[in-house]
Structures are given as structure tokens and as C-alpha cells.
PDB file of N, CA and C in Angstrom:
ATOM      1  N   MET A   1     -78.549  18.235  36.718  1.00  0.00           N
ATOM      2  CA  MET A   1     -77.828  19.169  35.883  1.00  0.00           C
ATOM      3  C   MET A   1     -78.824  20.001  35.082  1.00  0.00           C
ATOM      4  N   ASP A   2     -78.512  21.233  34.965  1.00  0.00           N
ATOM      5  CA  ASP A   2     -79.377  22.180  34.270  1.00  0.00           C
ATOM      6  C   ASP A   2     -79.001  22.221  32.788  1.00  0.00           C
ATOM      7  N   GLU A   3     -79.912  21.776  31.937  1.00  0.00           N
ATOM      8  CA  GLU A   3     -79.641  21.694  30.498  1.00  0.00           C
ATOM      9  C   GLU A   3     -79.314  23.060  29.895  1.00  0.00           C
ATOM     10  N   LEU A   4     -80.118  24.059  30.206  1.00  0.00           N
ATOM     11  CA  LEU A   4     -79.903  25.383  29.626  1.00  0.00           C
ATOM     12  C   LEU A   4     -78.557  25.963  30.051  1.00  0.00           C
ATOM     13  N   ASP A   5     -78.204  25.789  31.319  1.00  0.00           N
ATOM     14  CA  ASP A   5     -76.919  26.273  31.812  1.00  0.00           C
ATOM     15  C   ASP A   5     -75.771  25.543  31.106  1.00  0.00           C
ATOM     16  N   PHE A   6     -75.918  24.251  30.904  1.00  0.00           N
ATOM     17  CA  PHE A   6     -74.900  23.467  30.193  1.00  0.00           C
ATOM     18  C   PHE A   6     -74.747  23.967  28.754  1.00  0.00           C
ATOM     19  N   ILE A   7     -75.857  24.214  28.087  1.00  0.00           N
ATOM     20  CA  ILE A   7     -75.822  24.703  26.706  1.00  0.00           C
ATOM     21  C   ILE A   7     -75.139  26.067  26.642  1.00  0.00           C
ATOM     22  N   ARG A   8     -75.472  26.942  27.588  1.00  0.00           N
ATOM     23  CA  ARG A   8     -74.796  28.251  27.642  1.00  0.00           C
ATOM     24  C   ARG A   8     -73.296  28.076  27.838  1.00  0.00           C
ATOM     25  N   TYR A   9     -72.923  27.176  28.742  1.00  0.00           N
ATOM     26  CA  TYR A   9     -71.511  26.944  29.043  1.00  0.00           C
ATOM     27  C   TYR A   9     -70.737  26.491  27.796  1.00  0.00           C
ATOM     28  N   ILE A  10     -71.252  25.476  27.099  1.00  0.00           N
ATOM     29  CA  ILE A  10     -70.497  24.975  25.940  1.00  0.00           C
ATOM     30  C   ILE A  10     -70.537  25.944  24.765  1.00  0.00           C
ATOM     31  N   THR A  11     -71.560  26.768  24.725  1.00  0.00           N
ATOM     32  CA  THR A  11     -71.644  27.767  23.649  1.00  0.00           C
ATOM     33  C   THR A  11     -70.688  28.926  23.905  1.00  0.00           C
ATOM     34  N   ILE A  12     -70.698  29.452  25.118  1.00  0.00           N
ATOM     35  CA  ILE A  12     -69.905  30.642  25.443  1.00  0.00           C
ATOM     36  C   ILE A  12     -68.481  30.292  25.868  1.00  0.00           C
ATOM     37  N   LYS A  13     -68.330  29.468  26.894  1.00  0.00           N
ATOM     38  CA  LYS A  13     -66.996  29.209  27.438  1.00  0.00           C
ATOM     39  C   LYS A  13     -66.176  28.246  26.588  1.00  0.00           C
ATOM     40  N   LYS A  14     -66.838  27.313  25.918  1.00  0.00           N
ATOM     41  CA  LYS A  14     -66.103  26.346  25.096  1.00  0.00           C
ATOM     42  C   LYS A  14     -66.148  26.692  23.614  1.00  0.00           C
ATOM     43  N   SER A  15     -66.958  27.669  23.258  1.00  0.00           N
ATOM     44  CA  SER A  15     -67.060  28.162  21.872  1.00  0.00           C
ATOM     45  C   SER A  15     -67.331  27.052  20.851  1.00  0.00           C
ATOM     46  N   LEU A  16     -68.213  26.130  21.223  1.00  0.00           N
ATOM     47  CA  LEU A  16     -68.547  25.061  20.293  1.00  0.00           C
ATOM     48  C   LEU A  16     -69.417  25.590  19.158  1.00  0.00           C
ATOM     49  N   ALA A  17     -69.250  24.992  17.999  1.00  0.00           N
ATOM     50  CA  ALA A  17     -70.060  25.339  16.831  1.00  0.00           C
ATOM     51  C   ALA A  17     -71.497  24.880  17.057  1.00  0.00           C
ATOM     52  N   ALA A  18     -72.413  25.458  16.315  1.00  0.00           N
ATOM     53  CA  ALA A  18     -73.840  25.169  16.475  1.00  0.00           C
ATOM     54  C   ALA A  18     -74.141  23.677  16.339  1.00  0.00           C
ATOM     55  N   ASN A  19     -73.518  22.995  15.383  1.00  0.00           N
ATOM     56  CA  ASN A  19     -73.753  21.557  15.215  1.00  0.00           C
ATOM     57  C   ASN A  19     -73.265  20.757  16.419  1.00  0.00           C
ATOM     58  N   SER A  20     -72.137  21.149  16.982  1.00  0.00           N
ATOM     59  CA  SER A  20     -71.617  20.473  18.169  1.00  0.00           C
ATOM     60  C   SER A  20     -72.514  20.721  19.377  1.00  0.00           C
ATOM     61  N   VAL A  21     -73.010  21.932  19.504  1.00  0.00           N
ATOM     62  CA  VAL A  21     -73.935  22.254  20.603  1.00  0.00           C
ATOM     63  C   VAL A  21     -75.193  21.416  20.472  1.00  0.00           C
ATOM     64  N   ARG A  22     -75.713  21.309  19.269  1.00  0.00           N
ATOM     65  CA  ARG A  22     -76.928  20.517  19.033  1.00  0.00           C
ATOM     66  C   ARG A  22     -76.689  19.040  19.393  1.00  0.00           C
ATOM     67  N   LEU A  23     -75.550  18.503  18.976  1.00  0.00           N
ATOM     68  CA  LEU A  23     -75.200  17.126  19.299  1.00  0.00           C
ATOM     69  C   LEU A  23     -75.101  16.935  20.813  1.00  0.00           C
ATOM     70  N   CYS A  24     -74.405  17.855  21.482  1.00  0.00           N
ATOM     71  CA  CYS A  24     -74.252  17.754  22.939  1.00  0.00           C
ATOM     72  C   CYS A  24     -75.600  17.845  23.644  1.00  0.00           C
ATOM     73  N   LYS A  25     -76.477  18.680  23.141  1.00  0.00           N
ATOM     74  CA  LYS A  25     -77.801  18.820  23.750  1.00  0.00           C
ATOM     75  C   LYS A  25     -78.569  17.504  23.677  1.00  0.00           C
ATOM     76  N   VAL A  26     -78.548  16.867  22.521  1.00  0.00           N
ATOM     77  CA  VAL A  26     -79.241  15.586  22.352  1.00  0.00           C
ATOM     78  C   VAL A  26     -78.627  14.532  23.257  1.00  0.00           C
ATOM     79  N   ARG A  27     -77.295  14.416  23.241  1.00  0.00           N
ATOM     80  CA  ARG A  27     -76.615  13.415  24.071  1.00  0.00           C
ATOM     81  C   ARG A  27     -76.800  13.710  25.555  1.00  0.00           C
ATOM     82  N   PHE A  28     -76.749  14.979  25.935  1.00  0.00           N
ATOM     83  CA  PHE A  28     -76.961  15.377  27.328  1.00  0.00           C
ATOM     84  C   PHE A  28     -78.318  14.879  27.809  1.00  0.00           C
ATOM     85  N   ASN A  29     -79.343  15.077  27.005  1.00  0.00           N
ATOM     86  CA  ASN A  29     -80.686  14.639  27.389  1.00  0.00           C
ATOM     87  C   ASN A  29     -80.792  13.121  27.488  1.00  0.00           C
ATOM     88  N   ILE A  30     -80.152  12.404  26.586  1.00  0.00           N
ATOM     89  CA  ILE A  30     -80.167  10.946  26.644  1.00  0.00           C
ATOM     90  C   ILE A  30     -79.469  10.458  27.911  1.00  0.00           C
ATOM     91  N   ILE A  31     -78.321  11.031  28.206  1.00  0.00           N
ATOM     92  CA  ILE A  31     -77.572  10.652  29.413  1.00  0.00           C
ATOM     93  C   ILE A  31     -78.387  10.982  30.657  1.00  0.00           C
ATOM     94  N   ASN A  32     -78.908  12.187  30.721  1.00  0.00           N
ATOM     95  CA  ASN A  32     -79.679  12.625  31.878  1.00  0.00           C
ATOM     96  C   ASN A  32     -80.922  11.752  32.087  1.00  0.00           C
ATOM     97  N   ASN A  33     -81.626  11.452  31.004  1.00  0.00           N
ATOM     98  CA  ASN A  33     -82.820  10.600  31.111  1.00  0.00           C
ATOM     99  C   ASN A  33     -82.464   9.196  31.567  1.00  0.00           C
ATOM    100  N   TRP A  34     -81.370   8.647  31.062  1.00  0.00           N
ATOM    101  CA  TRP A  34     -80.951   7.303  31.473  1.00  0.00           C
ATOM    102  C   TRP A  34     -80.627   7.295  32.967  1.00  0.00           C
ATOM    103  N   LEU A  35     -79.923   8.324  33.433  1.00  0.00           N
ATOM    104  CA  LEU A  35     -79.594   8.406  34.852  1.00  0.00           C
ATOM    105  C   LEU A  35     -80.864   8.458  35.699  1.00  0.00           C
ATOM    106  N   LYS A  36     -81.828   9.269  35.285  1.00  0.00           N
ATOM    107  CA  LYS A  36     -83.084   9.392  36.032  1.00  0.00           C
ATOM    108  C   LYS A  36     -83.868   8.085  36.017  1.00  0.00           C
ATOM    109  N   GLU A  37     -84.002   7.478  34.838  1.00  0.00           N
ATOM    110  CA  GLU A  37     -84.775   6.239  34.708  1.00  0.00           C
ATOM    111  C   GLU A  37     -84.180   5.098  35.527  1.00  0.00           C
ATOM    112  N   ASN A  38     -82.873   5.114  35.691  1.00  0.00           N
ATOM    113  CA  ASN A  38     -82.190   4.043  36.411  1.00  0.00           C
ATOM    114  C   ASN A  38     -81.801   4.439  37.829  1.00  0.00           C
ATOM    115  N   ASN A  39     -82.298   5.608  38.255  1.00  0.00           N
ATOM    116  CA  ASN A  39     -82.045   6.100  39.609  1.00  0.00           C
ATOM    117  C   ASN A  39     -80.543   6.087  39.940  1.00  0.00           C
ATOM    118  N   LYS A  40     -79.757   6.664  39.031  1.00  0.00           N
ATOM    119  CA  LYS A  40     -78.297   6.690  39.173  1.00  0.00           C
ATOM    120  C   LYS A  40     -77.810   8.118  39.298  1.00  0.00           C
ATOM    121  N   GLU A  41     -76.681   8.259  39.958  1.00  0.00           N
ATOM    122  CA  GLU A  41     -75.977   9.531  39.988  1.00  0.00           C
ATOM    123  C   GLU A  41     -74.810   9.433  39.018  1.00  0.00           C
ATOM    124  N   LEU A  42     -74.339  10.567  38.575  1.00  0.00           N
ATOM    125  CA  LEU A  42     -73.238  10.600  37.625  1.00  0.00           C
ATOM    126  C   LEU A  42     -71.936  10.315  38.361  1.00  0.00           C
ATOM    127  N   ASN A  43     -71.368   9.143  38.113  1.00  0.00           N
ATOM    128  CA  ASN A  43     -70.090   8.756  38.688  1.00  0.00           C
ATOM    129  C   ASN A  43     -69.426   7.754  37.752  1.00  0.00           C
ATOM    130  N   LYS A  44     -68.239   7.327  38.111  1.00  0.00           N
ATOM    131  CA  LYS A  44     -67.483   6.418  37.251  1.00  0.00           C
ATOM    132  C   LYS A  44     -68.276   5.152  36.951  1.00  0.00           C
ATOM    133  N   ASP A  45     -68.881   4.563  37.958  1.00  0.00           N
ATOM    134  CA  ASP A  45     -69.618   3.314  37.773  1.00  0.00           C
ATOM    135  C   ASP A  45     -70.831   3.485  36.868  1.00  0.00           C
ATOM    136  N   SER A  46     -71.575   4.574  37.058  1.00  0.00           N
ATOM    137  CA  SER A  46     -72.767   4.767  36.233  1.00  0.00           C
ATOM    138  C   SER A  46     -72.389   5.066  34.785  1.00  0.00           C
ATOM    139  N   VAL A  47     -71.286   5.757  34.563  1.00  0.00           N
ATOM    140  CA  VAL A  47     -70.826   6.022  33.196  1.00  0.00           C
ATOM    141  C   VAL A  47     -70.435   4.708  32.523  1.00  0.00           C
ATOM    142  N   GLU A  48     -69.740   3.861  33.258  1.00  0.00           N
ATOM    143  CA  GLU A  48     -69.361   2.555  32.720  1.00  0.00           C
ATOM    144  C   GLU A  48     -70.607   1.726  32.397  1.00  0.00           C
ATOM    145  N   GLU A  49     -71.562   1.737  33.295  1.00  0.00           N
ATOM    146  CA  GLU A  49     -72.815   1.013  33.079  1.00  0.00           C
ATOM    147  C   GLU A  49     -73.578   1.579  31.876  1.00  0.00           C
ATOM    148  N   PHE A  50     -73.569   2.909  31.737  1.00  0.00           N
ATOM    149  CA  PHE A  50     -74.232   3.556  30.614  1.00  0.00           C
ATOM    150  C   PHE A  50     -73.606   3.129  29.288  1.00  0.00           C
ATOM    151  N   PHE A  51     -72.275   3.093  29.219  1.00  0.00           N
ATOM    152  CA  PHE A  51     -71.622   2.677  27.986  1.00  0.00           C
ATOM    153  C   PHE A  51     -71.866   1.194  27.695  1.00  0.00           C
ATOM    154  N   PHE A  52     -71.954   0.388  28.715  1.00  0.00           N
ATOM    155  CA  PHE A  52     -72.304  -1.020  28.517  1.00  0.00           C
ATOM    156  C   PHE A  52     -73.698  -1.122  27.909  1.00  0.00           C
ATOM    157  N   TYR A  53     -74.614  -0.327  28.431  1.00  0.00           N
ATOM    158  CA  TYR A  53     -75.983  -0.272  27.901  1.00  0.00           C
ATOM    159  C   TYR A  53     -75.976   0.127  26.420  1.00  0.00           C
ATOM    160  N   LEU A  54     -75.189   1.142  26.085  1.00  0.00           N
ATOM    161  CA  LEU A  54     -75.115   1.597  24.699  1.00  0.00           C
ATOM    162  C   LEU A  54     -74.536   0.512  23.785  1.00  0.00           C
ATOM    163  N   LYS A  55     -73.492  -0.170  24.261  1.00  0.00           N
ATOM    164  CA  LYS A  55     -72.890  -1.250  23.475  1.00  0.00           C
ATOM    165  C   LYS A  55     -73.885  -2.382  23.264  1.00  0.00           C
ATOM    166  N   GLN A  56     -74.688  -2.673  24.283  1.00  0.00           N
ATOM    167  CA  GLN A  56     -75.691  -3.732  24.168  1.00  0.00           C
ATOM    168  C   GLN A  56     -76.745  -3.369  23.121  1.00  0.00           C
ATOM    169  N   LYS A  57     -76.970  -2.093  22.936  1.00  0.00           N
ATOM    170  CA  LYS A  57     -77.917  -1.633  21.918  1.00  0.00           C
ATOM    171  C   LYS A  57     -77.325  -1.740  20.512  1.00  0.00           C
ATOM    172  N   GLY A  58     -76.043  -2.063  20.431  1.00  0.00           N
ATOM    173  CA  GLY A  58     -75.399  -2.248  19.140  1.00  0.00           C
ATOM    174  C   GLY A  58     -74.877  -0.976  18.495  1.00  0.00           C
ATOM    175  N   LEU A  59     -74.697   0.066  19.275  1.00  0.00           N
ATOM    176  CA  LEU A  59     -74.185   1.317  18.708  1.00  0.00           C
ATOM    177  C   LEU A  59     -72.732   1.150  18.278  1.00  0.00           C
ATOM    178  N   ASN A  60     -72.374   1.780  17.179  1.00  0.00           N
ATOM    179  CA  ASN A  60     -71.002   1.654  16.682  1.00  0.00           C
ATOM    180  C   ASN A  60     -70.072   2.624  17.400  1.00  0.00           C
ATOM    181  N   ASN A  61     -68.780   2.474  17.158  1.00  0.00           N
ATOM    182  CA  ASN A  61     -67.784   3.291  17.860  1.00  0.00           C
ATOM    183  C   ASN A  61     -67.911   4.774  17.559  1.00  0.00           C
ATOM    184  N   ASN A  62     -68.275   5.134  16.343  1.00  0.00           N
ATOM    185  CA  ASN A  62     -68.444   6.551  16.024  1.00  0.00           C
ATOM    186  C   ASN A  62     -69.539   7.174  16.873  1.00  0.00           C
ATOM    187  N   THR A  63     -70.628   6.458  17.057  1.00  0.00           N
ATOM    188  CA  THR A  63     -71.717   6.963  17.890  1.00  0.00           C
ATOM    189  C   THR A  63     -71.284   7.029  19.346  1.00  0.00           C
ATOM    190  N   LEU A  64     -70.589   6.004  19.814  1.00  0.00           N
ATOM    191  CA  LEU A  64     -70.106   6.006  21.199  1.00  0.00           C
ATOM    192  C   LEU A  64     -69.171   7.182  21.442  1.00  0.00           C
ATOM    193  N   ASN A  65     -68.376   7.533  20.440  1.00  0.00           N
ATOM    194  CA  ASN A  65     -67.464   8.672  20.591  1.00  0.00           C
ATOM    195  C   ASN A  65     -68.219   9.981  20.806  1.00  0.00           C
ATOM    196  N   THR A  66     -69.419  10.103  20.259  1.00  0.00           N
ATOM    197  CA  THR A  66     -70.194  11.324  20.494  1.00  0.00           C
ATOM    198  C   THR A  66     -70.608  11.426  21.959  1.00  0.00           C
ATOM    199  N   TYR A  67     -70.813  10.292  22.602  1.00  0.00           N
ATOM    200  CA  TYR A  67     -71.123  10.300  24.036  1.00  0.00           C
ATOM    201  C   TYR A  67     -69.887  10.644  24.858  1.00  0.00           C
ATOM    202  N   PHE A  68     -68.719  10.117  24.466  1.00  0.00           N
ATOM    203  CA  PHE A  68     -67.467  10.497  25.125  1.00  0.00           C
ATOM    204  C   PHE A  68     -67.256  11.999  25.015  1.00  0.00           C
ATOM    205  N   PHE A  69     -67.463  12.544  23.821  1.00  0.00           N
ATOM    206  CA  PHE A  69     -67.324  13.967  23.561  1.00  0.00           C
ATOM    207  C   PHE A  69     -68.211  14.771  24.516  1.00  0.00           C
ATOM    208  N   THR A  70     -69.463  14.375  24.621  1.00  0.00           N
ATOM    209  CA  THR A  70     -70.409  15.088  25.482  1.00  0.00           C
ATOM    210  C   THR A  70     -70.039  14.947  26.947  1.00  0.00           C
ATOM    211  N   LEU A  71     -69.682  13.744  27.367  1.00  0.00           N
ATOM    212  CA  LEU A  71     -69.320  13.538  28.777  1.00  0.00           C
ATOM    213  C   LEU A  71     -68.072  14.332  29.170  1.00  0.00           C
ATOM    214  N   ARG A  72     -67.168  14.487  28.249  1.00  0.00           N
ATOM    215  CA  ARG A  72     -65.980  15.309  28.522  1.00  0.00           C
ATOM    216  C   ARG A  72     -66.400  16.754  28.811  1.00  0.00           C
ATOM    217  N   TYR A  73     -67.361  17.272  28.042  1.00  0.00           N
ATOM    218  CA  TYR A  73     -67.843  18.630  28.283  1.00  0.00           C
ATOM    219  C   TYR A  73     -68.718  18.717  29.536  1.00  0.00           C
ATOM    220  N   ILE A  74     -69.441  17.671  29.848  1.00  0.00           N
ATOM    221  CA  ILE A  74     -70.206  17.653  31.103  1.00  0.00           C
ATOM    222  C   ILE A  74     -69.244  17.713  32.278  1.00  0.00           C
ATOM    223  N   GLN A  75     -68.127  16.958  32.205  1.00  0.00           N
ATOM    224  CA  GLN A  75     -67.114  16.996  33.269  1.00  0.00           C
ATOM    225  C   GLN A  75     -66.556  18.414  33.429  1.00  0.00           C
ATOM    226  N   ASP A  76     -66.218  19.058  32.318  1.00  0.00           N
ATOM    227  CA  ASP A  76     -65.704  20.430  32.372  1.00  0.00           C
ATOM    228  C   ASP A  76     -66.739  21.381  32.961  1.00  0.00           C
ATOM    229  N   TYR A  77     -67.982  21.208  32.565  1.00  0.00           N
ATOM    230  CA  TYR A  77     -69.083  22.039  33.057  1.00  0.00           C
ATOM    231  C   TYR A  77     -69.235  21.887  34.566  1.00  0.00           C
ATOM    232  N   ILE A  78     -69.227  20.664  35.043  1.00  0.00           N
ATOM    233  CA  ILE A  78     -69.386  20.409  36.478  1.00  0.00           C
ATOM    234  C   ILE A  78     -68.246  21.054  37.263  1.00  0.00           C
ATOM    235  N   LYS A  79     -67.018  20.921  36.761  1.00  0.00           N
ATOM    236  CA  LYS A  79     -65.867  21.550  37.426  1.00  0.00           C
ATOM    237  C   LYS A  79     -66.000  23.068  37.424  1.00  0.00           C
ATOM    238  N   ASP A  80     -66.424  23.622  36.294  1.00  0.00           N
ATOM    239  CA  ASP A  80     -66.582  25.069  36.177  1.00  0.00           C
ATOM    240  C   ASP A  80     -67.612  25.594  37.171  1.00  0.00           C
ATOM    241  N   ARG A  81     -68.605  24.791  37.457  1.00  0.00           N
ATOM    242  CA  ARG A  81     -69.669  25.205  38.371  1.00  0.00           C
ATOM    243  C   ARG A  81     -69.337  24.910  39.833  1.00  0.00           C
ATOM    244  N   GLY A  82     -68.111  24.460  40.098  1.00  0.00           N
ATOM    245  CA  GLY A  82     -67.631  24.355  41.465  1.00  0.00           C
ATOM    246  C   GLY A  82     -67.681  22.983  42.102  1.00  0.00           C
ATOM    247  N   SER A  83     -68.066  21.969  41.365  1.00  0.00           N
ATOM    248  CA  SER A  83     -68.102  20.621  41.929  1.00  0.00           C
ATOM    249  C   SER A  83     -66.783  19.921  41.653  1.00  0.00           C
ATOM    250  N   ASP A  84     -66.441  18.986  42.516  1.00  0.00           N
ATOM    251  CA  ASP A  84     -65.207  18.228  42.302  1.00  0.00           C
ATOM    252  C   ASP A  84     -65.498  16.785  41.882  1.00  0.00           C
ATOM    253  N   ASN A  85     -66.643  16.565  41.245  1.00  0.00           N
ATOM    254  CA  ASN A  85     -67.014  15.241  40.758  1.00  0.00           C
ATOM    255  C   ASN A  85     -66.164  14.921  39.531  1.00  0.00           C
ATOM    256  N   ASN A  86     -65.158  14.075  39.700  1.00  0.00           N
ATOM    257  CA  ASN A  86     -64.247  13.724  38.606  1.00  0.00           C
ATOM    258  C   ASN A  86     -64.628  12.380  38.001  1.00  0.00           C
ATOM    259  N   PHE A  87     -65.900  12.204  37.706  1.00  0.00           N
ATOM    260  CA  PHE A  87     -66.399  10.926  37.206  1.00  0.00           C
ATOM    261  C   PHE A  87     -65.731  10.498  35.909  1.00  0.00           C
ATOM    262  N   PHE A  88     -65.445  11.430  35.042  1.00  0.00           N
ATOM    263  CA  PHE A  88     -64.966  11.075  33.711  1.00  0.00           C
ATOM    264  C   PHE A  88     -63.450  10.919  33.669  1.00  0.00           C
ATOM    265  N   GLU A  89     -62.731  11.695  34.452  1.00  0.00           N
ATOM    266  CA  GLU A  89     -61.283  11.571  34.483  1.00  0.00           C
ATOM    267  C   GLU A  89     -60.872  10.193  34.975  1.00  0.00           C
ATOM    268  N   SER A  90     -61.597   9.676  35.937  1.00  0.00           N
ATOM    269  CA  SER A  90     -61.251   8.353  36.458  1.00  0.00           C
ATOM    270  C   SER A  90     -61.784   7.246  35.552  1.00  0.00           C
ATOM    271  N   PHE A  91     -62.675   7.597  34.630  1.00  0.00           N
ATOM    272  CA  PHE A  91     -63.251   6.609  33.727  1.00  0.00           C
ATOM    273  C   PHE A  91     -62.346   6.338  32.533  1.00  0.00           C
ATOM    274  N   THR A  92     -61.738   7.386  32.005  1.00  0.00           N
ATOM    275  CA  THR A  92     -60.951   7.234  30.783  1.00  0.00           C
ATOM    276  C   THR A  92     -59.532   6.839  31.082  1.00  0.00           C
TER     277      THR A  92
END
């Protein structure tokens, strides 16, 4: 996934505020790095595994919700760019 393209998408098409864009950028990079480090593709199973990893780190529900927020926008971004990867719809 292209970080700059994602940032443009949530800024222009989703009209997110600057603070929300900044949060999504940080979370996007954490998610992307975790996927790369663990040689995973973005799908329902990897998202579930990622959240298990976050829970094991002791993150609270408010922090976990920021990842849900970002993943929801990643799902929208992927659909907007023509892919039919419905990883998040089947997860929630």
C-alpha cells in the first residue's frame, strides 16, 4: 500500500481533520510494518492476528479503537482503488 496515496485519499475524499490524518498515518505505518515484518498480507486472519498482538502488548481499548478507525479507512481506500479485498468487513 502506498502511504502517500492513502494520506491523499483520507485527506481529500474522506475530508479527515489534520489530527485524524496524523493518527491514521502513524497507525498505517505500524500496521504496514507489522505486516512486512511478519511476512503477512492484509486479510481477515492477519488483522485478527495483529489485534491479538496488540492486546498481548497490553494496549487499552481506546488505543485499539484507533487501529479499528485506521483499518476502516484502509478498507475504504483499497475499495476506492479498485480492489475487492474485504478484509475488514468480514472481520468486524
